[in-house]
Amino acid sequence: MSTTTKPEPSLGELFGQLAQDTGSLVRQEVQLAKVEITNKVTTAGRNVGFIAAGGALALAGFLVLLAAAVAGLGVVIPVWAAALIVGVVVMGIGYALMMKGMGALHQLDPIPERTVQTMKDNQAWVKEQMP
């Protein structure tokens, strides 16, 4: 029985493999960036929804406060006082929702951190592969 050894790849083959691996790596990085950015946009969209819902509730509260002011001008105090309380509560809820959404948006970092780090790692790997 004879044992045959696989010949060492030539420098051209090594560079060809490096180019192929680098291309595959870049495609994977682009895919990772797409996923990461999609997740961040989804989170931002949800927080914009909180802001919109908060704004709508605040507007409803303002309208109730206007109704309370109108009712208070010519009607018995308990009616406008009730409308005033309802208006303040609705506006408070709206304000809380808006602050929640805005706070979450301020904390959202738009930079795809994992992708940036893996790109740095890949750059270091490519440099290591160079003769």
Protein backbone atom coordinates (compact mmCIF):
# COMPACT_ATOMS: atom_id res chain seq x y z
CA MET A 1 0.00 0.00 0.00
CA SER A 2 1.29 3.39 -0.87
CA THR A 3 0.33 6.49 0.96
CA THR A 4 -0.12 9.58 -1.07
CA THR A 5 0.07 12.95 0.49
CA LYS A 6 -1.89 15.86 -0.77
CA PRO A 7 0.44 18.46 -2.23
CA GLU A 8 0.65 21.83 -0.49
CA PRO A 9 -1.48 24.47 -2.21
CA SER A 10 0.34 27.01 -4.31
CA LEU A 11 0.50 30.69 -3.41
CA GLY A 12 -2.03 31.44 -6.15
CA GLU A 13 -4.42 28.84 -4.76
CA LEU A 14 -4.01 30.29 -1.28
CA PHE A 15 -4.79 33.80 -2.53
CA GLY A 16 -7.76 32.44 -4.48
CA GLN A 17 -9.10 30.75 -1.36
CA LEU A 18 -8.50 33.93 0.64
CA ALA A 19 -10.43 35.97 -1.92
CA GLN A 20 -13.28 33.45 -1.88
CA ASP A 21 -13.40 33.41 1.94
CA THR A 22 -13.26 37.20 2.07
CA GLY A 23 -16.16 37.49 -0.38
CA SER A 24 -18.21 35.03 1.64
CA LEU A 25 -17.36 36.91 4.81
CA VAL A 26 -18.45 40.25 3.32
CA ARG A 27 -21.78 38.74 2.22
CA GLN A 28 -22.34 37.39 5.72
CA GLU A 29 -21.52 40.78 7.23
CA VAL A 30 -24.00 42.51 4.93
CA GLN A 31 -26.67 40.00 5.96
CA LEU A 32 -25.87 40.59 9.66
CA ALA A 33 -26.09 44.35 9.15
CA LYS A 34 -29.49 43.97 7.46
CA VAL A 35 -30.86 41.91 10.35
CA GLU A 36 -29.44 44.24 12.98
CA ILE A 37 -30.75 47.40 11.29
CA THR A 38 -34.17 45.80 10.73
CA ASN A 39 -34.40 45.04 14.46
CA LYS A 40 -33.48 48.62 15.36
CA VAL A 41 -35.98 50.10 12.89
CA THR A 42 -38.71 47.85 14.31
CA THR A 43 -37.92 49.08 17.84
CA ALA A 44 -37.91 52.69 16.67
CA GLY A 45 -41.27 52.19 14.95
CA ARG A 46 -42.82 50.79 18.11
CA ASN A 47 -41.56 53.78 20.11
CA VAL A 48 -42.92 56.21 17.52
CA GLY A 49 -46.25 54.43 18.04
CA PHE A 50 -46.04 55.20 21.77
CA ILE A 51 -45.39 58.85 20.96
CA ALA A 52 -48.35 58.96 18.56
CA ALA A 53 -50.67 57.25 21.06
CA GLY A 54 -49.50 59.62 23.78
CA GLY A 55 -50.09 62.62 21.55
CA ALA A 56 -53.58 61.41 20.68
CA LEU A 57 -54.45 60.91 24.33
CA ALA A 58 -53.02 64.31 25.23
CA LEU A 59 -55.19 65.88 22.52
CA ALA A 60 -58.26 64.05 23.86
CA GLY A 61 -57.39 65.35 27.31
CA PHE A 62 -57.08 68.88 25.99
CA LEU A 63 -60.50 68.61 24.36
CA VAL A 64 -61.99 67.38 27.62
CA LEU A 65 -60.38 70.33 29.41
CA LEU A 66 -61.95 72.69 26.91
CA ALA A 67 -65.32 71.02 27.50
CA ALA A 68 -64.76 71.46 31.23
CA ALA A 69 -64.05 75.14 30.77
CA VAL A 70 -67.20 75.60 28.71
CA ALA A 71 -69.29 73.59 31.16
CA GLY A 72 -67.82 75.52 34.06
CA LEU A 73 -68.95 78.85 32.68
CA GLY A 74 -72.63 78.21 32.93
CA VAL A 75 -73.37 75.04 34.80
CA VAL A 76 -73.16 73.78 38.34
CA ILE A 77 -69.64 73.21 39.64
CA PRO A 78 -69.71 69.39 40.00
CA VAL A 79 -70.13 68.87 36.23
CA TRP A 80 -67.12 70.92 35.17
CA ALA A 81 -65.08 69.67 38.12
CA ALA A 82 -65.64 66.10 36.94
CA ALA A 83 -64.69 67.03 33.40
CA LEU A 84 -61.58 68.80 34.70
CA ILE A 85 -60.49 65.73 36.65
CA VAL A 86 -61.05 63.45 33.64
CA GLY A 87 -59.12 65.82 31.39
CA VAL A 88 -56.14 65.99 33.75
CA VAL A 89 -56.03 62.19 34.10
CA VAL A 90 -56.20 61.62 30.32
CA MET A 91 -53.50 64.22 29.69
CA GLY A 92 -51.32 62.62 32.37
CA ILE A 93 -51.60 59.22 30.70
CA GLY A 94 -50.82 60.77 27.31
CA TYR A 95 -47.80 62.55 28.71
CA ALA A 96 -46.53 59.34 30.33
CA LEU A 97 -46.83 57.43 27.03
CA MET A 98 -45.02 60.18 25.12
CA MET A 99 -42.18 60.27 27.66
CA LYS A 100 -41.86 56.47 27.51
CA GLY A 101 -41.55 56.48 23.72
CA MET A 102 -39.18 59.46 23.62
CA GLY A 103 -36.98 58.02 26.37
CA ALA A 104 -36.71 54.71 24.53
CA LEU A 105 -35.88 56.50 21.26
CA HIS A 106 -33.13 58.50 22.96
CA GLN A 107 -31.57 55.27 24.25
CA LEU A 108 -31.69 53.57 20.85
CA ASP A 109 -28.26 53.44 19.27
CA PRO A 110 -28.59 53.41 15.46
CA ILE A 111 -25.09 52.00 14.93
CA PRO A 112 -25.07 48.23 14.23
CA GLU A 113 -22.51 47.48 16.99
CA ARG A 114 -22.20 43.73 16.35
CA THR A 115 -21.58 44.30 12.66
CA VAL A 116 -18.94 46.95 13.34
CA GLN A 117 -17.16 44.62 15.79
CA THR A 118 -17.23 41.64 13.45
CA MET A 119 -15.95 43.80 10.60
CA LYS A 120 -12.99 44.79 12.80
CA ASP A 121 -12.45 41.14 13.68
CA ASN A 122 -12.61 40.20 10.00
CA GLN A 123 -10.12 42.90 9.08
CA ALA A 124 -7.71 41.53 11.67
CA TRP A 125 -8.28 37.98 10.38
CA VAL A 126 -7.55 39.01 6.77
CA LYS A 127 -4.33 40.72 7.89
CA GLU A 128 -3.28 37.56 9.71
CA GLN A 129 -3.86 35.52 6.55
CA MET A 130 -1.55 37.68 4.46
CA PRO A 131 1.96 36.23 4.11
